[in-house]
Every structure is written in C-alpha cells, then in structure tokens.
N, C-alpha and C. Protein backbone atom coordinates (compact mmCIF):
# COMPACT_ATOMS: atom_id res chain seq x y z
N MET A 1 133.60 98.86 13.30
CA MET A 1 133.58 99.88 14.32
C MET A 1 132.62 99.50 15.45
N ILE A 2 131.50 98.92 15.11
CA ILE A 2 130.51 98.55 16.11
C ILE A 2 131.11 97.58 17.13
N GLY A 3 131.75 96.56 16.65
CA GLY A 3 132.36 95.57 17.53
C GLY A 3 133.43 96.16 18.42
N ARG A 4 134.19 97.08 17.87
CA ARG A 4 135.26 97.71 18.65
C ARG A 4 134.70 98.43 19.87
N TYR A 5 133.59 99.12 19.71
CA TYR A 5 132.98 99.83 20.84
C TYR A 5 132.39 98.87 21.86
N ALA A 6 131.76 97.81 21.39
CA ALA A 6 131.18 96.82 22.31
C ALA A 6 132.27 96.14 23.12
N VAL A 7 133.37 95.81 22.47
CA VAL A 7 134.49 95.17 23.17
C VAL A 7 135.08 96.12 24.20
N LEU A 8 135.27 97.37 23.81
CA LEU A 8 135.85 98.35 24.73
C LEU A 8 134.94 98.56 25.94
N ALA A 9 133.63 98.65 25.72
CA ALA A 9 132.69 98.81 26.84
C ALA A 9 132.80 97.63 27.80
N SER A 10 132.90 96.44 27.27
CA SER A 10 133.04 95.24 28.12
C SER A 10 134.34 95.26 28.89
N ARG A 11 135.40 95.67 28.24
CA ARG A 11 136.70 95.72 28.92
C ARG A 11 136.69 96.76 30.04
N ILE A 12 136.06 97.90 29.81
CA ILE A 12 135.97 98.92 30.85
C ILE A 12 135.26 98.35 32.06
N ARG A 13 134.14 97.67 31.83
CA ARG A 13 133.39 97.09 32.95
C ARG A 13 134.23 96.05 33.70
N GLN A 14 134.91 95.20 32.98
CA GLN A 14 135.75 94.20 33.63
C GLN A 14 136.89 94.84 34.41
N ASP A 15 137.51 95.85 33.84
CA ASP A 15 138.60 96.54 34.55
C ASP A 15 138.10 97.21 35.82
N MET A 16 136.88 97.71 35.82
CA MET A 16 136.33 98.33 37.03
C MET A 16 136.14 97.27 38.13
N VAL A 17 135.75 96.07 37.76
CA VAL A 17 135.63 94.98 38.74
C VAL A 17 137.00 94.66 39.33
N GLU A 18 138.00 94.58 38.48
CA GLU A 18 139.36 94.27 38.95
C GLU A 18 139.92 95.40 39.81
N LEU A 19 139.65 96.64 39.42
CA LEU A 19 140.14 97.77 40.21
C LEU A 19 139.45 97.85 41.57
N GLU A 20 138.21 97.42 41.64
CA GLU A 20 137.53 97.35 42.94
C GLU A 20 138.31 96.43 43.88
N ARG A 21 138.81 95.33 43.37
CA ARG A 21 139.61 94.41 44.19
C ARG A 21 140.91 95.07 44.63
N VAL A 22 141.53 95.82 43.75
CA VAL A 22 142.78 96.52 44.09
C VAL A 22 142.52 97.54 45.20
N VAL A 23 141.44 98.28 45.08
CA VAL A 23 141.09 99.28 46.11
C VAL A 23 140.89 98.58 47.45
N GLY A 24 140.21 97.45 47.44
CA GLY A 24 140.01 96.69 48.67
C GLY A 24 141.32 96.23 49.29
N ARG A 25 142.27 95.85 48.45
CA ARG A 25 143.58 95.42 48.95
C ARG A 25 144.32 96.58 49.61
N VAL A 26 144.23 97.77 49.04
CA VAL A 26 144.86 98.94 49.65
C VAL A 26 144.23 99.20 51.02
N GLU A 27 142.92 99.18 51.06
CA GLU A 27 142.22 99.44 52.33
C GLU A 27 142.59 98.41 53.39
N ARG A 28 142.67 97.15 53.00
CA ARG A 28 143.04 96.10 53.96
C ARG A 28 144.48 96.26 54.43
N ALA A 29 145.37 96.61 53.52
CA ALA A 29 146.78 96.77 53.89
C ALA A 29 146.96 97.93 54.87
N ILE A 30 146.27 99.02 54.64
CA ILE A 30 146.40 100.17 55.53
C ILE A 30 145.80 99.86 56.90
N LEU A 31 144.69 99.17 56.92
CA LEU A 31 144.09 98.76 58.19
C LEU A 31 145.05 97.83 58.95
N ALA A 32 145.64 96.88 58.25
CA ALA A 32 146.59 95.97 58.90
C ALA A 32 147.80 96.72 59.42
N ALA A 33 148.27 97.73 58.67
CA ALA A 33 149.42 98.52 59.11
C ALA A 33 149.11 99.24 60.42
N ARG A 34 147.89 99.70 60.57
CA ARG A 34 147.49 100.39 61.81
C ARG A 34 147.39 99.40 62.97
N GLN A 35 146.91 98.21 62.69
CA GLN A 35 146.66 97.23 63.74
C GLN A 35 147.92 96.48 64.16
N GLN A 36 148.89 96.36 63.26
CA GLN A 36 150.09 95.59 63.55
C GLN A 36 151.31 96.48 63.33
N SER A 37 151.54 97.36 64.27
CA SER A 37 152.58 98.36 64.09
C SER A 37 153.98 97.76 63.90
N ALA A 38 154.22 96.58 64.45
CA ALA A 38 155.54 95.95 64.29
C ALA A 38 155.83 95.61 62.83
N GLU A 39 154.79 95.37 62.07
CA GLU A 39 154.95 95.01 60.65
C GLU A 39 154.41 96.11 59.74
N GLN A 40 154.26 97.29 60.27
CA GLN A 40 153.66 98.39 59.53
C GLN A 40 154.32 98.62 58.17
N ASP A 41 155.64 98.60 58.13
CA ASP A 41 156.33 98.89 56.88
C ASP A 41 155.96 97.88 55.79
N LEU A 42 155.81 96.62 56.15
CA LEU A 42 155.47 95.60 55.16
C LEU A 42 154.06 95.82 54.60
N PHE A 43 153.13 96.17 55.47
CA PHE A 43 151.76 96.41 55.02
C PHE A 43 151.68 97.69 54.18
N LEU A 44 152.44 98.70 54.55
CA LEU A 44 152.44 99.94 53.76
C LEU A 44 153.10 99.72 52.40
N ASP A 45 154.11 98.86 52.35
CA ASP A 45 154.70 98.50 51.05
C ASP A 45 153.64 97.84 50.16
N SER A 46 152.84 96.97 50.75
CA SER A 46 151.75 96.33 50.01
C SER A 46 150.75 97.37 49.52
N ALA A 47 150.39 98.29 50.39
CA ALA A 47 149.46 99.36 49.99
C ALA A 47 150.06 100.17 48.85
N ALA A 48 151.35 100.49 48.93
CA ALA A 48 152.01 101.28 47.88
C ALA A 48 151.97 100.55 46.54
N LEU A 49 152.26 99.26 46.56
CA LEU A 49 152.23 98.50 45.32
C LEU A 49 150.83 98.49 44.72
N ASN A 50 149.83 98.34 45.55
CA ASN A 50 148.46 98.32 45.04
C ASN A 50 147.99 99.72 44.62
N LEU A 51 148.48 100.77 45.26
CA LEU A 51 148.20 102.12 44.78
C LEU A 51 148.80 102.31 43.39
N HIS A 52 149.99 101.79 43.19
CA HIS A 52 150.62 101.79 41.87
C HIS A 52 149.72 101.07 40.87
N ASP A 53 149.26 99.89 41.23
CA ASP A 53 148.42 99.09 40.34
C ASP A 53 147.09 99.78 40.03
N PHE A 54 146.56 100.51 41.00
CA PHE A 54 145.32 101.24 40.79
C PHE A 54 145.46 102.21 39.62
N TYR A 55 146.48 103.05 39.69
CA TYR A 55 146.61 104.02 38.60
C TYR A 55 147.01 103.34 37.30
N ALA A 56 147.87 102.34 37.37
CA ALA A 56 148.28 101.64 36.16
C ALA A 56 147.06 101.01 35.47
N GLY A 57 146.14 100.49 36.25
CA GLY A 57 144.93 99.91 35.68
C GLY A 57 144.06 100.95 35.00
N LEU A 58 143.89 102.10 35.64
CA LEU A 58 143.13 103.18 35.01
C LEU A 58 143.82 103.66 33.74
N GLU A 59 145.12 103.75 33.80
CA GLU A 59 145.85 104.22 32.64
C GLU A 59 145.69 103.26 31.46
N ARG A 60 145.64 101.97 31.72
CA ARG A 60 145.39 101.00 30.65
C ARG A 60 144.02 101.24 30.01
N VAL A 61 143.02 101.54 30.82
CA VAL A 61 141.69 101.86 30.30
C VAL A 61 141.78 103.11 29.42
N PHE A 62 142.47 104.13 29.91
CA PHE A 62 142.60 105.37 29.14
C PHE A 62 143.31 105.12 27.81
N GLU A 63 144.34 104.28 27.83
CA GLU A 63 145.05 103.95 26.59
C GLU A 63 144.14 103.24 25.60
N GLN A 64 143.30 102.34 26.10
CA GLN A 64 142.38 101.63 25.22
C GLN A 64 141.39 102.60 24.58
N ILE A 65 140.90 103.55 25.37
CA ILE A 65 139.98 104.55 24.83
C ILE A 65 140.69 105.42 23.80
N ALA A 66 141.88 105.88 24.13
CA ALA A 66 142.64 106.72 23.21
C ALA A 66 142.91 105.98 21.91
N SER A 67 143.23 104.72 22.00
CA SER A 67 143.54 103.93 20.82
C SER A 67 142.29 103.59 20.00
N SER A 68 141.26 103.09 20.67
CA SER A 68 140.07 102.60 19.96
C SER A 68 139.12 103.70 19.52
N VAL A 69 138.94 104.72 20.35
CA VAL A 69 137.96 105.77 20.04
C VAL A 69 138.64 106.98 19.42
N ASP A 70 139.64 107.52 20.13
CA ASP A 70 140.30 108.73 19.65
C ASP A 70 141.23 108.47 18.47
N ARG A 71 141.75 107.27 18.41
CA ARG A 71 142.75 106.89 17.40
C ARG A 71 143.99 107.76 17.50
N SER A 72 144.30 108.15 18.76
CA SER A 72 145.46 109.00 19.02
C SER A 72 145.90 108.81 20.46
N VAL A 73 147.03 108.14 20.63
CA VAL A 73 147.61 107.92 21.96
C VAL A 73 148.83 108.81 22.08
N PRO A 74 148.90 109.63 23.12
CA PRO A 74 150.06 110.51 23.28
C PRO A 74 151.37 109.71 23.31
N SER A 75 152.39 110.31 22.74
CA SER A 75 153.69 109.62 22.72
C SER A 75 154.84 110.52 23.14
N SER A 76 154.52 111.69 23.65
CA SER A 76 155.56 112.61 24.10
C SER A 76 156.22 112.09 25.38
N ARG A 77 157.23 112.78 25.80
CA ARG A 77 157.97 112.40 27.01
C ARG A 77 157.05 112.34 28.23
N ASP A 78 156.08 113.24 28.31
CA ASP A 78 155.14 113.25 29.43
C ASP A 78 153.78 112.68 29.03
N TRP A 79 153.81 111.59 28.28
CA TRP A 79 152.58 111.00 27.74
C TRP A 79 151.61 110.56 28.83
N HIS A 80 152.10 110.17 30.01
CA HIS A 80 151.21 109.74 31.08
C HIS A 80 150.27 110.88 31.49
N ARG A 81 150.84 112.05 31.67
CA ARG A 81 150.05 113.22 32.04
C ARG A 81 149.14 113.64 30.89
N GLU A 82 149.67 113.62 29.69
CA GLU A 82 148.88 114.02 28.51
C GLU A 82 147.70 113.08 28.28
N LEU A 83 147.88 111.80 28.54
CA LEU A 83 146.79 110.84 28.38
C LEU A 83 145.64 111.17 29.32
N SER A 84 145.96 111.48 30.56
CA SER A 84 144.94 111.86 31.53
C SER A 84 144.23 113.13 31.08
N ARG A 85 144.97 114.09 30.61
CA ARG A 85 144.38 115.34 30.11
C ARG A 85 143.47 115.07 28.91
N GLN A 86 143.90 114.17 28.05
CA GLN A 86 143.10 113.82 26.87
C GLN A 86 141.75 113.24 27.29
N MET A 87 141.74 112.45 28.34
CA MET A 87 140.49 111.84 28.80
C MET A 87 139.56 112.87 29.43
N ALA A 88 140.11 113.99 29.87
CA ALA A 88 139.32 115.01 30.56
C ALA A 88 138.79 116.10 29.62
N VAL A 89 139.01 115.92 28.33
CA VAL A 89 138.48 116.90 27.37
C VAL A 89 137.55 116.21 26.38
N GLU A 90 136.59 116.98 25.92
CA GLU A 90 135.71 116.50 24.85
C GLU A 90 136.48 116.56 23.54
N VAL A 91 136.31 115.56 22.72
CA VAL A 91 136.89 115.58 21.38
C VAL A 91 135.72 115.83 20.43
N ALA A 92 135.66 117.06 19.94
CA ALA A 92 134.50 117.50 19.15
C ALA A 92 134.20 116.53 18.01
N GLY A 93 132.94 116.15 17.93
CA GLY A 93 132.49 115.27 16.87
C GLY A 93 132.87 113.82 17.06
N LEU A 94 133.57 113.51 18.14
CA LEU A 94 134.04 112.14 18.35
C LEU A 94 133.53 111.54 19.64
N ARG A 95 133.73 112.28 20.74
CA ARG A 95 133.30 111.75 22.04
C ARG A 95 133.24 112.88 23.06
N PRO A 96 132.43 112.69 24.12
CA PRO A 96 132.43 113.65 25.23
C PRO A 96 133.64 113.41 26.13
N GLN A 97 133.75 114.21 27.18
CA GLN A 97 134.77 113.94 28.20
C GLN A 97 134.58 112.52 28.69
N VAL A 98 135.66 111.83 28.95
CA VAL A 98 135.57 110.50 29.54
C VAL A 98 135.53 110.65 31.06
N ILE A 99 136.40 111.50 31.59
CA ILE A 99 136.41 111.81 33.02
C ILE A 99 136.38 113.32 33.19
N SER A 100 135.84 113.76 34.29
CA SER A 100 135.77 115.19 34.57
C SER A 100 137.16 115.73 34.92
N THR A 101 137.30 117.04 34.83
CA THR A 101 138.58 117.65 35.20
C THR A 101 138.85 117.44 36.69
N GLU A 102 137.80 117.38 37.51
CA GLU A 102 137.97 117.12 38.95
C GLU A 102 138.51 115.71 39.18
N THR A 103 137.97 114.77 38.45
CA THR A 103 138.46 113.39 38.58
C THR A 103 139.90 113.29 38.09
N ALA A 104 140.19 113.93 36.98
CA ALA A 104 141.56 113.91 36.46
C ALA A 104 142.53 114.48 37.49
N ALA A 105 142.14 115.55 38.16
CA ALA A 105 143.01 116.16 39.18
C ALA A 105 143.21 115.21 40.35
N ALA A 106 142.15 114.54 40.79
CA ALA A 106 142.27 113.59 41.90
C ALA A 106 143.17 112.42 41.51
N LEU A 107 143.00 111.93 40.29
CA LEU A 107 143.79 110.78 39.83
C LEU A 107 145.25 111.16 39.60
N ASP A 108 145.51 112.43 39.37
CA ASP A 108 146.89 112.85 39.12
C ASP A 108 147.79 112.56 40.33
N GLU A 109 147.22 112.63 41.53
CA GLU A 109 147.99 112.27 42.73
C GLU A 109 148.48 110.82 42.66
N TYR A 110 147.62 109.95 42.15
CA TYR A 110 147.97 108.53 42.04
C TYR A 110 148.97 108.30 40.91
N ARG A 111 148.87 109.09 39.84
CA ARG A 111 149.85 109.00 38.75
C ARG A 111 151.23 109.38 39.26
N ARG A 112 151.29 110.47 40.01
CA ARG A 112 152.58 110.91 40.54
C ARG A 112 153.14 109.89 41.54
N PHE A 113 152.28 109.33 42.35
CA PHE A 113 152.75 108.34 43.32
C PHE A 113 153.22 107.08 42.61
N ARG A 114 152.56 106.71 41.54
CA ARG A 114 152.99 105.55 40.77
C ARG A 114 154.43 105.75 40.29
N HIS A 115 154.75 106.97 39.90
CA HIS A 115 156.11 107.29 39.48
C HIS A 115 157.10 107.08 40.63
N VAL A 116 156.70 107.48 41.83
CA VAL A 116 157.56 107.29 43.02
C VAL A 116 157.81 105.80 43.24
N VAL A 117 156.76 105.00 43.19
CA VAL A 117 156.90 103.56 43.43
C VAL A 117 157.87 102.95 42.42
N ARG A 118 157.83 103.41 41.21
CA ARG A 118 158.70 102.87 40.16
C ARG A 118 160.14 103.33 40.28
N ASN A 119 160.37 104.43 41.00
CA ASN A 119 161.70 105.03 40.93
C ASN A 119 162.45 105.18 42.24
N VAL A 120 161.89 104.75 43.36
CA VAL A 120 162.63 104.82 44.62
C VAL A 120 162.55 103.48 45.34
N TYR A 121 163.43 103.27 46.26
CA TYR A 121 163.38 102.07 47.08
C TYR A 121 162.20 102.15 48.04
N ALA A 122 161.62 101.01 48.33
CA ALA A 122 160.49 100.96 49.27
C ALA A 122 160.87 101.56 50.63
N LEU A 123 162.13 101.45 50.98
CA LEU A 123 162.59 102.02 52.25
C LEU A 123 162.37 103.53 52.32
N ASP A 124 162.29 104.16 51.15
CA ASP A 124 162.15 105.62 51.09
C ASP A 124 160.70 106.09 50.95
N PHE A 125 159.73 105.18 50.96
CA PHE A 125 158.32 105.58 50.86
C PHE A 125 157.94 106.43 52.06
N ASP A 126 157.05 107.37 51.84
CA ASP A 126 156.53 108.23 52.89
C ASP A 126 155.25 107.60 53.44
N PRO A 127 155.29 107.02 54.64
CA PRO A 127 154.10 106.36 55.19
C PRO A 127 152.88 107.27 55.26
N GLY A 128 153.08 108.54 55.58
CA GLY A 128 151.98 109.48 55.65
C GLY A 128 151.30 109.67 54.30
N ARG A 129 152.10 109.74 53.27
CA ARG A 129 151.52 109.90 51.92
C ARG A 129 150.76 108.65 51.51
N ILE A 130 151.29 107.49 51.82
CA ILE A 130 150.59 106.24 51.49
C ILE A 130 149.24 106.19 52.21
N GLU A 131 149.25 106.53 53.48
CA GLU A 131 148.00 106.51 54.24
C GLU A 131 147.01 107.53 53.70
N GLN A 132 147.47 108.72 53.34
CA GLN A 132 146.57 109.75 52.80
C GLN A 132 145.97 109.29 51.46
N LEU A 133 146.82 108.77 50.58
CA LEU A 133 146.30 108.28 49.30
C LEU A 133 145.32 107.13 49.52
N GLY A 134 145.61 106.30 50.50
CA GLY A 134 144.70 105.20 50.82
C GLY A 134 143.36 105.70 51.33
N ARG A 135 143.39 106.71 52.17
CA ARG A 135 142.13 107.29 52.69
C ARG A 135 141.29 107.91 51.58
N ASP A 136 141.95 108.52 50.61
CA ASP A 136 141.25 109.21 49.52
C ASP A 136 140.88 108.28 48.36
N LEU A 137 141.43 107.07 48.39
CA LEU A 137 141.30 106.17 47.24
C LEU A 137 139.87 105.79 46.92
N ARG A 138 139.08 105.42 47.90
CA ARG A 138 137.71 104.97 47.64
C ARG A 138 136.91 106.05 46.90
N ALA A 139 137.01 107.28 47.35
CA ALA A 139 136.26 108.37 46.70
C ALA A 139 136.76 108.60 45.27
N ALA A 140 138.07 108.58 45.08
CA ALA A 140 138.62 108.77 43.72
C ALA A 140 138.19 107.64 42.81
N PHE A 141 138.22 106.42 43.33
CA PHE A 141 137.80 105.27 42.53
C PHE A 141 136.32 105.35 42.18
N GLU A 142 135.49 105.65 43.16
CA GLU A 142 134.04 105.71 42.91
C GLU A 142 133.72 106.75 41.84
N ARG A 143 134.39 107.89 41.91
CA ARG A 143 134.17 108.94 40.91
C ARG A 143 134.62 108.47 39.53
N ALA A 144 135.82 107.90 39.45
CA ALA A 144 136.34 107.42 38.16
C ALA A 144 135.47 106.29 37.62
N ARG A 145 135.09 105.36 38.48
CA ARG A 145 134.27 104.24 38.04
C ARG A 145 132.94 104.73 37.48
N SER A 146 132.29 105.64 38.19
CA SER A 146 131.01 106.17 37.74
C SER A 146 131.14 106.80 36.35
N GLU A 147 132.17 107.59 36.16
CA GLU A 147 132.35 108.27 34.88
C GLU A 147 132.73 107.30 33.77
N LEU A 148 133.56 106.32 34.08
CA LEU A 148 133.95 105.35 33.06
C LEU A 148 132.79 104.41 32.70
N LEU A 149 131.97 104.04 33.68
CA LEU A 149 130.81 103.21 33.37
C LEU A 149 129.79 103.99 32.55
N ALA A 150 129.65 105.28 32.79
CA ALA A 150 128.78 106.12 31.96
C ALA A 150 129.31 106.16 30.53
N PHE A 151 130.63 106.24 30.39
CA PHE A 151 131.23 106.23 29.06
C PHE A 151 131.00 104.87 28.38
N ALA A 152 131.08 103.80 29.15
CA ALA A 152 130.82 102.46 28.60
C ALA A 152 129.38 102.37 28.07
N LEU A 153 128.44 102.99 28.78
CA LEU A 153 127.04 103.02 28.29
C LEU A 153 126.93 103.77 26.98
N LEU A 154 127.66 104.86 26.86
CA LEU A 154 127.68 105.60 25.61
C LEU A 154 128.23 104.72 24.48
N LEU A 155 129.29 103.97 24.77
CA LEU A 155 129.85 103.06 23.78
C LEU A 155 128.85 101.98 23.38
N ASP A 156 128.10 101.48 24.36
CA ASP A 156 127.05 100.49 24.05
C ASP A 156 126.05 101.08 23.06
N GLY A 157 125.65 102.33 23.29
CA GLY A 157 124.70 102.99 22.40
C GLY A 157 125.26 103.14 21.00
N LEU A 158 126.53 103.52 20.90
CA LEU A 158 127.16 103.66 19.60
C LEU A 158 127.25 102.31 18.89
N ALA A 159 127.53 101.26 19.66
CA ALA A 159 127.65 99.92 19.07
C ALA A 159 126.29 99.46 18.54
N GLU A 160 125.22 99.78 19.25
CA GLU A 160 123.88 99.38 18.83
C GLU A 160 123.41 100.16 17.60
N GLU A 161 123.79 101.44 17.55
CA GLU A 161 123.40 102.27 16.41
C GLU A 161 124.02 101.79 15.11
N GLY A 162 125.24 101.29 15.24
CA GLY A 162 125.92 100.74 14.08
C GLY A 162 126.33 101.78 13.11
C-alpha cells in the first residue's frame, strides 16, 4: 500500500507538469487565432484539441485516484460525470475531497466540451466557446493543480506512515 501511494503522488506531479504544457498550447493557439485571422479556424481547431487533452489528462488522474485509493471506479453510462463527482466528495475513513465542488463545477465545462470534440466535426466548433474556455483555462488549471498537489502531499504522508 505504501508504494502505491508514493507512485500515485509522483504520477500526479508529473501529470501536472504535462498539463501545464497543454494549457500553454491552448493559450498560444488562441493568441495565434487572434493575430492571424486568415488562419483562425486552424488555430482554434488546435486549441479545441488541446482543451480536449486538458480534461482527458485530468480525468486520467481522477481514474488513477479512484482505482488506487478509492478502489472504486464508476462504470455507469455517465461514468465521466460520476468520476468527477467522486473526486469532489470526501470518502469517510479513506480520503478527503480531492477537488472542491467549485473546481469540479469549473472542470465540468471542459468535460462537456471534450464530448463535443469527440462527437462533432471540427467545422461545427463554436469559436466563441473555444475562446471562452481558453480564457478561463488558466484559472481552472491553477485551482485543480493546487488541489491535486495538496492531495499528492497527503499521499506522501500516508506512504511515509506506512
């Protein structure tokens, strides 16, 4: 059990480094879309793909926590939403909240957008929504990263206690 927590804490930290790069790519793509209006659609497509990757990366972290700590990963039809909800609640005797309900609500916008990216043609993307999600992304990421790194510290403590 000790090793499992130490490994998970390390993976969370590494994933946060990788997600920082994804956030930067979204920001650069949106800036380029504003500066090069002739190619705006191509840059917004890039931003959309990276917005998709942002939530997918967080969801992988949530799955690892659900699997390693909770020992229960949702499997219902709406498991994506349930996984986020699971991370936003304390599991009595097992772990505190991983993310706050406010963070879960902010991230839900990215979960829903990820669904859009997976299910519609890029030609049908809403540029305004991509830009809005891009503007809000840094704050959502900083909040999620802070909470996940705090959880990683808790895991470190559990691993040391043995």
